[in-house]
Amino acid sequence: MTPTTAIEVGGTRARISITAVVDTGFDGQFCLPMHLAVRLGLELMGAELVEFADGSKKQELYFRGWVRFLGERRRAKFS
């Protein structure tokens, strides 16, 4: 069974509640589909090289927005 939790994410245009998969290797970054990043108004910050579990690497866009988790709202990085 995959652990999940309810969070709220938002940007300059909108906010939504989603069920997020809990990653035991969490590095402080959230992954969202591009269409949600645009819809929420997340701020494009740039691109960075990311490494996947299979060792492959790829340039990915990253965005800034916010997340509310356990009643606390914080700035967050999304890719």
Protein backbone atom coordinates (compact mmCIF):
# COMPACT_ATOMS: atom_id res chain seq x y z
CA MET A 1 0.00 0.00 0.00
CA THR A 2 1.33 3.47 -0.97
CA PRO A 3 1.23 6.09 1.81
CA THR A 4 -0.64 9.29 0.89
CA THR A 5 -1.66 12.54 2.58
CA ALA A 6 -3.96 15.46 1.78
CA ILE A 7 -2.24 18.77 0.95
CA GLU A 8 -3.29 22.09 -0.54
CA VAL A 9 -1.10 23.69 -3.22
CA GLY A 10 -1.39 27.11 -4.80
CA GLY A 11 0.08 29.91 -6.82
CA THR A 12 -0.96 33.38 -7.93
CA ARG A 13 -4.15 32.28 -9.73
CA ALA A 14 -5.69 29.41 -7.79
CA ARG A 15 -5.29 26.73 -5.16
CA ILE A 16 -6.38 23.10 -5.07
CA SER A 17 -6.51 20.24 -2.59
CA ILE A 18 -4.82 17.05 -3.75
CA THR A 19 -3.85 13.67 -2.40
CA ALA A 20 -0.06 13.43 -2.49
CA VAL A 21 2.04 10.26 -2.45
CA VAL A 22 4.50 10.35 0.45
CA ASP A 23 8.07 9.76 -0.77
CA THR A 24 10.42 8.46 1.92
CA GLY A 25 13.31 10.11 0.05
CA PHE A 26 11.56 13.52 0.06
CA ASP A 27 13.97 16.30 -0.89
CA GLY A 28 11.66 19.27 -0.43
CA GLN A 29 10.36 19.36 -3.99
CA PHE A 30 6.87 18.48 -5.24
CA CYS A 31 5.99 17.08 -8.66
CA LEU A 32 2.88 18.30 -10.47
CA PRO A 33 1.66 17.94 -14.05
CA MET A 34 2.52 21.00 -16.17
CA HIS A 35 -1.16 21.86 -16.80
CA LEU A 36 -1.71 22.23 -13.03
CA ALA A 37 1.35 24.46 -12.64
CA VAL A 38 -0.04 26.76 -15.34
CA ARG A 39 -3.60 26.69 -13.95
CA LEU A 40 -2.42 27.52 -10.43
CA GLY A 41 -0.17 30.35 -11.60
CA LEU A 42 3.05 28.87 -10.25
CA GLU A 43 6.05 31.11 -10.97
CA LEU A 44 8.57 29.64 -13.45
CA MET A 45 12.00 29.84 -11.81
CA GLY A 46 14.19 28.06 -14.37
CA ALA A 47 15.42 24.60 -15.26
CA GLU A 48 17.74 22.17 -13.55
CA LEU A 49 19.28 18.78 -14.22
CA VAL A 50 17.55 16.01 -12.27
CA GLU A 51 18.60 12.40 -11.82
CA PHE A 52 16.00 9.64 -11.85
CA ALA A 53 16.06 6.35 -9.92
CA ASP A 54 17.37 4.50 -13.00
CA GLY A 55 20.38 6.85 -13.17
CA SER A 56 19.18 8.77 -16.24
CA LYS A 57 19.32 12.56 -16.18
CA LYS A 58 17.09 15.20 -17.77
CA GLN A 59 16.56 18.97 -17.67
CA GLU A 60 13.26 19.76 -15.91
CA LEU A 61 11.49 23.08 -15.40
CA TYR A 62 10.88 24.13 -11.83
CA PHE A 63 8.33 26.51 -10.34
CA ARG A 64 7.66 28.30 -7.06
CA GLY A 65 4.33 28.27 -5.24
CA TRP A 66 3.09 27.29 -1.81
CA VAL A 67 1.85 24.20 -0.02
CA ARG A 68 -0.30 23.80 3.09
CA PHE A 69 0.49 20.66 5.05
CA LEU A 70 -0.48 19.84 8.63
CA GLY A 71 -2.10 23.29 8.92
CA GLU A 72 1.07 25.20 7.98
CA ARG A 73 1.54 27.14 4.74
CA ARG A 74 5.06 27.21 3.28
CA ARG A 75 6.79 28.23 0.06
CA ALA A 76 7.53 25.23 -2.09
CA LYS A 77 9.42 24.20 -5.20
CA PHE A 78 7.56 22.25 -7.89
CA SER A 79 8.74 20.41 -10.95
